[in-house]
């Protein structure tokens, strides 16, 4: 006889979580206020527990540290976690390494949000399939927040209700970041990027104004596909434009957007898959014409990309960009594009190497074309001087002469 999981009441979490060890928590758009409150209430009873998840700056605001002995491990730096000091460990890992790290820690528990069971008894992971779907079978204690507002997403079947250790029930509006209309700069960047994308390509992109603008600018294309870790509201424009290939042509891991996006995730184009599929190097290498479109904070005149830090400190981790860059390099007809505005205020985002902040996120071997609103710089098969010259042409006009002088000084030393 199949047993149903225990329905928990407030205050009962600590008795079920094994003290110490690592606990995986759902995050992104599926971060649970209910589970975070229960963790905070359990406090010191959880011992030296290490909580981990994909915490997105500006979206996930819980710090997930309970008693004085607990801590959180994050792969993106959020203001809330930075404020926890030594209680928050920031590991700047790419997605493939995040997966291997968590598996190596052998998590003892998982806390996640999911949809109510469907007619087959499965609870969809909804808008955050990536890590929960990849790891739940390896984790012995599985505690769910059953949220009626979580949509069932096609693709991964989710977790059988009978496989849950226990659950809470409660309605919660999903975390979201609504898309915004493209401004003139983003629109020009998007137009340059769209000109580089062939019909029939498979796209990887991320979240934000530029990715949304790019997807909107592809309305005239046909037979496009998505294979990406994350989608936002911009995917709605692609679905409505007819640019996408028929059938299951949008393979994704996580959705973060507006209620309109979440309401549309049952579209038959979507297939939600775990991180073992969305970021798998062998899978990516088999995709023809894989075009990766990612953003950055700065690009130096060697073509190195900086996407993690600014004058305010670390804002992010490397994320999945390097995983996809490796995949696109192996893809037949693959293309790796970095798209960014030429300036931030009055400061150039095309810089000399000594002007960049933080570590190199993508090396000069991980990028093919840099795009700003000024145009596109194709860096393939170019000398260092040719690469610098191409990048200077897409810098803001007021910064080109200073960059040329700076480059001559750099070139004189190498």
Protein backbone atom coordinates (compact mmCIF):
# COMPACT_ATOMS: atom_id res chain seq x y z
CA UNK A 1 0.00 0.00 0.00
CA UNK A 2 1.37 3.42 -1.00
CA UNK A 3 1.64 5.83 1.91
CA UNK A 4 0.85 9.52 1.50
CA UNK A 5 3.48 12.00 2.73
CA UNK A 6 2.92 13.59 6.09
CA UNK A 7 1.10 16.92 5.97
CA UNK A 8 3.08 19.30 8.17
CA UNK A 9 1.92 22.09 10.41
CA UNK A 10 3.91 25.15 11.33
CA UNK A 11 6.78 24.35 13.69
CA UNK A 12 7.20 20.70 12.65
CA UNK A 13 10.03 21.10 10.12
CA UNK A 14 12.95 20.79 12.54
CA UNK A 15 11.86 17.31 13.61
CA UNK A 16 12.18 16.02 10.03
CA UNK A 17 15.31 17.74 8.77
CA UNK A 18 18.49 15.80 9.62
CA UNK A 19 20.72 18.22 11.57
CA UNK A 20 23.88 19.30 9.77
CA UNK A 21 24.82 18.42 6.22
CA UNK A 22 23.60 20.19 3.11
CA UNK A 23 19.98 21.03 2.26
CA UNK A 24 19.00 22.01 -1.29
CA UNK A 25 16.29 24.68 -1.47
CA UNK A 26 14.29 25.77 -4.49
CA UNK A 27 14.91 29.36 -5.46
CA UNK A 28 14.63 31.55 -8.59
CA UNK A 29 10.88 32.03 -9.23
CA UNK A 30 10.08 29.07 -6.95
CA UNK A 31 11.53 30.39 -3.69
CA UNK A 32 9.12 29.54 -0.88
CA UNK A 33 8.26 32.12 1.78
CA UNK A 34 6.60 29.36 3.79
CA UNK A 35 9.68 27.12 3.84
CA UNK A 36 12.01 30.05 4.56
CA UNK A 37 9.85 31.03 7.53
CA UNK A 38 9.91 27.46 8.84
CA UNK A 39 13.70 27.32 8.55
CA UNK A 40 14.01 30.62 10.43
CA UNK A 41 11.68 29.33 13.15
CA UNK A 42 13.62 26.07 13.49
CA UNK A 43 16.77 28.12 14.14
CA UNK A 44 19.54 26.49 16.17
CA UNK A 45 17.77 23.11 16.15
CA UNK A 46 19.08 22.57 12.59
CA UNK A 47 22.68 22.56 13.75
CA UNK A 48 25.53 23.09 11.25
CA UNK A 49 23.27 22.90 8.23
CA UNK A 50 24.44 24.30 4.90
CA UNK A 51 21.58 25.58 2.69
CA UNK A 52 22.19 25.95 -1.03
CA UNK A 53 20.27 27.03 -4.13
CA UNK A 54 20.43 29.24 -7.21
CA UNK A 55 19.74 32.58 -5.55
CA UNK A 56 19.14 35.38 -8.08
CA UNK A 57 20.07 38.97 -7.16
CA UNK A 58 17.04 41.24 -7.03
CA UNK A 59 14.66 38.29 -6.92
CA UNK A 60 15.56 36.03 -3.99
CA UNK A 61 15.72 37.96 -0.72
CA UNK A 62 15.69 35.25 1.96
CA UNK A 63 19.10 34.57 3.49
CA UNK A 64 18.35 30.94 4.52
CA UNK A 65 20.64 31.01 7.54
CA UNK A 66 18.91 29.64 10.61
CA UNK A 67 20.79 29.25 13.89
CA UNK A 68 24.29 30.55 14.67
CA UNK A 69 25.93 27.37 13.35
CA UNK A 70 24.15 27.27 9.97
CA UNK A 71 25.29 28.87 6.74
CA UNK A 72 24.31 29.22 3.10
CA UNK A 73 26.31 28.43 -0.03
CA UNK A 74 25.45 30.59 -3.03
CA UNK A 75 26.72 30.77 -6.61
CA UNK A 76 25.42 34.30 -7.27
CA UNK A 77 26.02 37.19 -4.90
CA UNK A 78 22.85 38.82 -3.59
CA UNK A 79 22.80 41.87 -1.29
CA UNK A 80 21.00 39.88 1.40
CA UNK A 81 23.62 37.13 1.39
CA UNK A 82 26.53 39.56 1.24
CA UNK A 83 25.15 41.13 4.41
CA UNK A 84 25.43 37.76 6.22
CA UNK A 85 29.23 37.94 6.13
CA UNK A 86 30.97 34.67 7.00
CA UNK A 87 27.60 32.87 7.28
CA UNK A 88 27.28 33.04 3.48
CA UNK A 89 29.82 31.27 1.29
CA UNK A 90 30.00 32.57 -2.29
CA UNK A 91 31.33 29.99 -4.75
CA UNK A 92 31.83 31.44 -8.25
CA UNK A 93 31.17 28.27 -10.23
CA UNK A 94 29.76 27.60 -13.69
CA UNK A 95 26.60 25.52 -13.85
CA UNK A 96 28.31 22.23 -14.63
CA UNK A 97 30.59 22.68 -11.63
CA UNK A 98 27.66 23.73 -9.40
CA UNK A 99 25.96 20.43 -10.18
CA UNK A 100 29.12 18.43 -9.48
CA UNK A 101 29.75 20.35 -6.25
CA UNK A 102 26.25 19.76 -4.88
CA UNK A 103 26.34 16.08 -5.84
CA UNK A 104 29.71 15.76 -4.09
CA UNK A 105 28.24 17.21 -0.89
CA UNK A 106 25.52 14.51 -0.87
CA UNK A 107 22.62 16.68 0.33
CA UNK A 108 20.59 15.07 3.09
CA UNK A 109 17.42 17.07 2.48
CA UNK A 110 15.61 19.11 -0.13
CA UNK A 111 13.06 21.89 0.44
CA UNK A 112 11.21 22.86 -2.70
CA UNK A 113 8.04 24.32 -4.12
CA UNK A 114 5.93 22.29 -6.54
CA UNK A 115 2.46 22.07 -8.04
CA UNK A 116 -0.27 19.86 -6.55
CA UNK A 117 -0.25 16.29 -7.86
CA UNK A 118 -1.78 15.74 -11.28
CA UNK A 119 -3.99 12.83 -12.35
CA UNK A 120 -0.94 10.54 -12.47
CA UNK A 121 0.16 11.53 -8.96
CA UNK A 122 3.15 13.63 -10.06
CA UNK A 123 3.96 17.07 -8.68
CA UNK A 124 5.53 19.33 -11.32
CA UNK A 125 8.51 21.44 -10.31
CA UNK A 126 6.86 24.15 -12.40
CA UNK A 127 8.98 27.20 -13.10
CA UNK A 128 12.23 25.86 -11.55
CA UNK A 129 13.00 22.43 -12.91
CA UNK A 130 16.78 22.76 -13.32
CA UNK A 131 18.40 21.53 -10.08
CA UNK A 132 15.46 20.02 -8.11
CA UNK A 133 14.59 17.70 -11.00
CA UNK A 134 18.22 16.69 -11.46
CA UNK A 135 18.89 15.90 -7.80
CA UNK A 136 15.77 14.85 -5.91
CA UNK A 137 16.31 11.10 -6.45
CA UNK A 138 19.69 11.32 -4.69
CA UNK A 139 18.32 13.16 -1.63
CA UNK A 140 16.70 11.05 1.11
CA UNK A 141 14.51 13.69 2.84
CA UNK A 142 12.18 15.58 0.45
CA UNK A 143 9.90 18.24 1.86
CA UNK A 144 7.62 20.14 -0.48
CA UNK A 145 5.63 23.32 -0.37
CA UNK A 146 2.57 22.35 -2.43
CA UNK A 147 1.55 25.63 -4.06
CA UNK A 148 -1.72 25.77 -6.05
CA UNK A 149 -0.34 28.82 -7.92
CA UNK A 150 2.61 26.86 -9.32
CA UNK A 151 1.87 25.95 -12.96
CA UNK A 152 2.47 22.44 -14.21
CA UNK A 153 5.11 22.72 -16.92
CA UNK A 154 5.52 20.23 -19.76
CA UNK A 155 8.63 18.12 -20.09
CA UNK A 156 10.03 16.78 -16.84
CA UNK A 157 7.38 14.72 -15.00
CA UNK A 158 8.27 16.15 -11.59
CA UNK A 159 8.28 14.13 -8.38
CA UNK A 160 5.63 11.54 -7.48
CA UNK A 161 3.55 12.74 -4.54
CA UNK A 162 4.20 9.39 -2.86
CA UNK A 163 7.98 10.05 -2.99
CA UNK A 164 7.68 13.10 -0.73
CA UNK A 165 8.76 12.70 2.86
CA UNK A 166 6.34 15.41 3.97
CA UNK A 167 4.71 18.57 2.71
CA UNK A 168 3.25 21.92 3.62
CA UNK A 169 0.31 23.37 1.72
CA UNK A 170 -0.17 27.05 1.00
CA UNK A 171 -0.86 29.46 -1.84
CA UNK A 172 1.93 31.86 -2.80
CA UNK A 173 2.38 34.21 -5.74
CA UNK A 174 5.51 33.24 -7.66
CA UNK A 175 8.59 35.43 -7.62
CA UNK A 176 8.87 37.39 -10.84
CA UNK A 177 10.69 40.01 -12.86
CA UNK A 178 8.40 41.48 -15.51
CA UNK A 179 9.90 42.28 -18.89
CA UNK A 180 10.23 45.90 -19.97
CA UNK A 181 9.87 47.47 -23.39
CA UNK A 182 13.15 47.87 -25.24
CA UNK A 183 14.74 51.31 -25.01
CA UNK A 184 16.47 52.77 -28.09
CA UNK A 185 19.88 51.38 -27.13
CA UNK A 186 18.57 47.85 -26.50
CA UNK A 187 16.56 47.98 -29.73
CA UNK A 188 19.67 48.86 -31.78
CA UNK A 189 21.69 46.12 -30.06
CA UNK A 190 18.90 43.64 -30.77
CA UNK A 191 18.77 44.60 -34.44
CA UNK A 192 22.51 43.99 -34.82
CA UNK A 193 22.23 40.62 -33.07
CA UNK A 194 19.21 39.54 -35.10
CA UNK A 195 21.17 40.14 -38.32
CA UNK A 196 23.70 37.52 -37.16
CA UNK A 197 21.16 34.78 -36.38
CA UNK A 198 20.34 32.41 -39.25
CA UNK A 199 16.93 30.84 -39.77
CA UNK A 200 16.83 27.41 -38.18
CA UNK A 201 19.25 28.35 -35.39
CA UNK A 202 18.94 27.18 -31.79
CA UNK A 203 19.31 30.04 -29.32
CA UNK A 204 20.59 30.31 -25.78
CA UNK A 205 20.06 33.55 -23.94
CA UNK A 206 19.26 34.84 -20.49
CA UNK A 207 17.17 37.32 -18.56
CA UNK A 208 16.97 41.07 -19.00
CA UNK A 209 16.18 43.96 -21.31
CA UNK A 210 18.69 43.03 -24.02
CA UNK A 211 17.77 39.31 -24.25
CA UNK A 212 14.07 40.25 -24.37
CA UNK A 213 14.76 42.82 -27.09
CA UNK A 214 16.72 40.27 -29.11
CA UNK A 215 13.92 37.72 -28.97
CA UNK A 216 11.47 40.40 -30.06
CA UNK A 217 13.73 41.41 -32.96
CA UNK A 218 13.67 37.85 -34.34
CA UNK A 219 9.99 38.02 -35.32
CA UNK A 220 10.85 37.80 -39.01
CA UNK A 221 12.96 34.67 -38.60
CA UNK A 222 11.62 31.16 -38.98
CA UNK A 223 12.22 27.68 -37.52
CA UNK A 224 14.11 28.98 -34.52
CA UNK A 225 14.57 26.87 -31.40
CA UNK A 226 15.56 27.59 -27.82
CA UNK A 227 17.89 25.51 -25.66
CA UNK A 228 18.58 27.61 -22.61
CA UNK A 229 18.75 27.54 -18.85
CA UNK A 230 16.48 30.52 -18.34
CA UNK A 231 13.64 32.33 -20.11
CA UNK A 232 11.89 35.58 -19.32
CA UNK A 233 8.99 37.48 -20.81
CA UNK A 234 10.80 37.92 -24.12
CA UNK A 235 9.98 34.35 -25.06
CA UNK A 236 6.31 35.33 -25.29
CA UNK A 237 7.09 37.56 -28.28
CA UNK A 238 8.82 34.68 -30.02
CA UNK A 239 5.91 32.34 -29.39
CA UNK A 240 3.44 34.86 -30.78
CA UNK A 241 5.52 35.90 -33.80
CA UNK A 242 5.66 32.55 -35.56
CA UNK A 243 9.47 32.59 -35.47
CA UNK A 244 9.72 29.31 -33.56
CA UNK A 245 9.85 25.90 -35.13
CA UNK A 246 6.67 23.86 -34.67
CA UNK A 247 6.43 21.27 -31.91
CA UNK A 248 8.60 21.05 -28.81
CA UNK A 249 11.10 23.70 -29.81
CA UNK A 250 11.77 25.56 -26.53
CA UNK A 251 13.84 23.47 -24.12
CA UNK A 252 14.39 25.40 -20.88
CA UNK A 253 15.23 24.86 -17.22
CA UNK A 254 13.79 27.88 -15.39
CA UNK A 255 11.25 30.63 -16.12
CA UNK A 256 11.38 34.02 -14.39
CA UNK A 257 8.96 36.67 -15.54
CA UNK A 258 5.49 38.11 -15.22
CA UNK A 259 2.18 36.38 -14.45
CA UNK A 260 1.56 36.39 -18.22
CA UNK A 261 4.66 34.26 -18.76
CA UNK A 262 3.71 31.81 -16.01
CA UNK A 263 0.20 31.52 -17.43
CA UNK A 264 1.65 30.63 -20.83
CA UNK A 265 4.06 27.90 -19.79
CA UNK A 266 1.65 25.17 -20.83
CA UNK A 267 2.31 26.13 -24.47
CA UNK A 268 3.20 22.97 -26.44
CA UNK A 269 6.47 24.55 -27.61
CA UNK A 270 7.90 24.31 -24.08
CA UNK A 271 9.84 21.40 -22.68
CA UNK A 272 11.25 21.91 -19.19
CA UNK A 273 14.32 19.84 -18.45
CA UNK A 274 16.85 19.46 -15.59
CA UNK A 275 20.29 21.06 -15.64
CA UNK A 276 21.74 17.70 -16.69
CA UNK A 277 20.09 18.35 -20.07
CA UNK A 278 20.05 22.14 -20.43
CA UNK A 279 23.77 22.53 -19.68
CA UNK A 280 25.14 19.14 -20.73
CA UNK A 281 28.27 19.61 -22.92
CA UNK A 282 27.63 16.51 -25.05
CA UNK A 283 24.01 17.53 -25.68
CA UNK A 284 25.00 21.08 -26.61
CA UNK A 285 27.71 19.88 -28.98
CA UNK A 286 25.15 17.90 -30.99
CA UNK A 287 22.98 20.97 -31.66
CA UNK A 288 23.60 22.49 -35.09
CA UNK A 289 23.83 26.28 -35.31
CA UNK A 290 23.78 26.84 -31.57
CA UNK A 291 23.88 30.62 -31.10
CA UNK A 292 24.63 31.83 -27.57
CA UNK A 293 23.65 35.41 -26.72
CA UNK A 294 24.84 36.66 -23.35
CA UNK A 295 25.48 40.03 -21.73
CA UNK A 296 28.40 41.48 -19.82
CA UNK A 297 29.51 44.41 -17.73
CA UNK A 298 32.59 45.08 -19.84
CA UNK A 299 34.75 43.71 -22.65
CA UNK A 300 38.45 44.51 -22.89
CA UNK A 301 40.44 45.12 -26.06
CA UNK A 302 41.71 41.53 -26.11
CA UNK A 303 38.08 40.36 -26.28
CA UNK A 304 37.95 39.12 -22.69
CA UNK A 305 34.51 39.37 -21.08
CA UNK A 306 33.80 40.59 -17.54
CA UNK A 307 30.32 39.77 -16.21
CA UNK A 308 30.59 39.36 -12.44
CA UNK A 309 31.82 42.50 -10.67
CA UNK A 310 31.65 46.28 -10.77
CA UNK A 311 32.82 49.16 -8.60
CA UNK A 312 30.15 47.99 -6.12
CA UNK A 313 31.79 44.57 -5.77
CA UNK A 314 30.65 41.17 -6.98
CA UNK A 315 27.15 41.20 -8.44
CA UNK A 316 27.02 37.69 -9.85
CA UNK A 317 28.82 34.45 -10.47
CA UNK A 318 29.87 33.09 -13.88
CA UNK A 319 26.56 31.24 -14.30
CA UNK A 320 26.01 29.13 -17.39
CA UNK A 321 27.69 31.35 -20.01
CA UNK A 322 30.92 29.35 -20.07
CA UNK A 323 29.02 26.03 -20.29
CA UNK A 324 27.19 27.32 -23.35
CA UNK A 325 30.32 28.86 -24.87
CA UNK A 326 31.99 25.43 -24.80
CA UNK A 327 28.90 23.86 -26.32
CA UNK A 328 28.66 26.41 -29.13
CA UNK A 329 32.34 25.97 -29.95
CA UNK A 330 31.70 22.28 -30.60
CA UNK A 331 28.42 22.91 -32.44
CA UNK A 332 28.43 22.77 -36.23
CA UNK A 333 27.75 26.37 -37.27
CA UNK A 334 27.80 27.53 -33.63
CA UNK A 335 28.19 31.23 -32.83
CA UNK A 336 28.98 32.94 -29.52
CA UNK A 337 27.71 36.51 -29.14
CA UNK A 338 28.17 38.96 -26.26
CA UNK A 339 25.74 41.90 -26.34
CA UNK A 340 26.06 45.00 -24.16
CA UNK A 341 25.59 48.78 -24.30
CA UNK A 342 28.74 50.67 -25.24
CA UNK A 343 28.53 52.81 -22.09
CA UNK A 344 27.27 52.75 -18.52
CA UNK A 345 26.42 56.39 -17.90
CA UNK A 346 29.51 58.21 -19.14
CA UNK A 347 31.84 55.24 -18.67
CA UNK A 348 32.90 53.06 -21.59
CA UNK A 349 32.13 49.37 -21.33
CA UNK A 350 34.75 48.65 -23.98
CA UNK A 351 37.90 48.93 -21.85
CA UNK A 352 41.58 48.21 -21.65
CA UNK A 353 42.43 45.13 -19.53
CA UNK A 354 43.58 47.23 -16.57
CA UNK A 355 40.24 49.08 -16.46
CA UNK A 356 38.04 46.02 -16.00
CA UNK A 357 36.62 44.96 -12.62
CA UNK A 358 36.70 41.40 -11.31
CA UNK A 359 37.81 38.17 -12.91
CA UNK A 360 37.56 37.26 -16.59
CA UNK A 361 34.21 35.49 -17.01
CA UNK A 362 34.74 34.39 -20.62
CA UNK A 363 38.19 34.18 -22.12
CA UNK A 364 39.10 35.49 -25.56
CA UNK A 365 38.66 31.91 -26.79
CA UNK A 366 35.01 31.80 -25.64
CA UNK A 367 33.66 34.66 -27.76
CA UNK A 368 33.13 35.15 -31.50
CA UNK A 369 31.31 38.47 -31.85
CA UNK A 370 30.81 41.46 -29.54
CA UNK A 371 27.74 43.62 -30.20
CA UNK A 372 26.88 47.10 -28.93
CA UNK A 373 24.38 49.63 -30.23
CA UNK A 374 27.27 50.92 -32.38
CA UNK A 375 27.57 47.68 -34.35
CA UNK A 376 29.16 44.22 -34.28
CA UNK A 377 32.84 43.36 -33.89
CA UNK A 378 33.70 39.94 -35.32
CA UNK A 379 36.82 38.78 -33.45
CA UNK A 380 37.30 35.47 -35.23
CA UNK A 381 40.69 34.77 -36.80
CA UNK A 382 42.05 38.25 -36.04
CA UNK A 383 45.36 39.42 -34.62
CA UNK A 384 45.39 41.26 -31.30
CA UNK A 385 45.68 44.58 -33.11
CA UNK A 386 42.78 43.69 -35.41
CA UNK A 387 40.65 42.61 -32.46
CA UNK A 388 41.34 45.87 -30.64
CA UNK A 389 40.57 47.92 -33.75
CA UNK A 390 37.26 46.09 -34.28
CA UNK A 391 36.24 46.62 -30.66
CA UNK A 392 37.13 50.31 -30.73
CA UNK A 393 34.76 50.79 -33.69
CA UNK A 394 31.81 49.62 -31.56
CA UNK A 395 32.73 51.75 -28.56
CA UNK A 396 30.84 55.00 -28.05
CA UNK A 397 32.30 57.69 -30.35
CA UNK A 398 33.55 59.85 -27.45
CA UNK A 399 35.62 56.96 -26.12
CA UNK A 400 37.25 55.75 -29.33
CA UNK A 401 40.24 58.10 -29.37
CA UNK A 402 41.16 57.45 -25.70
CA UNK A 403 40.85 53.71 -26.33
CA UNK A 404 43.12 53.95 -29.37
CA UNK A 405 45.76 55.78 -27.31
CA UNK A 406 45.43 53.24 -24.50
CA UNK A 407 45.77 50.36 -26.95
CA UNK A 408 48.96 51.77 -28.43
CA UNK A 409 50.40 51.95 -24.91
CA UNK A 410 49.38 48.33 -24.23
CA UNK A 411 50.70 47.12 -27.58
CA UNK A 412 54.05 48.78 -26.98
CA UNK A 413 54.57 46.58 -23.92
CA UNK A 414 53.76 43.20 -25.51
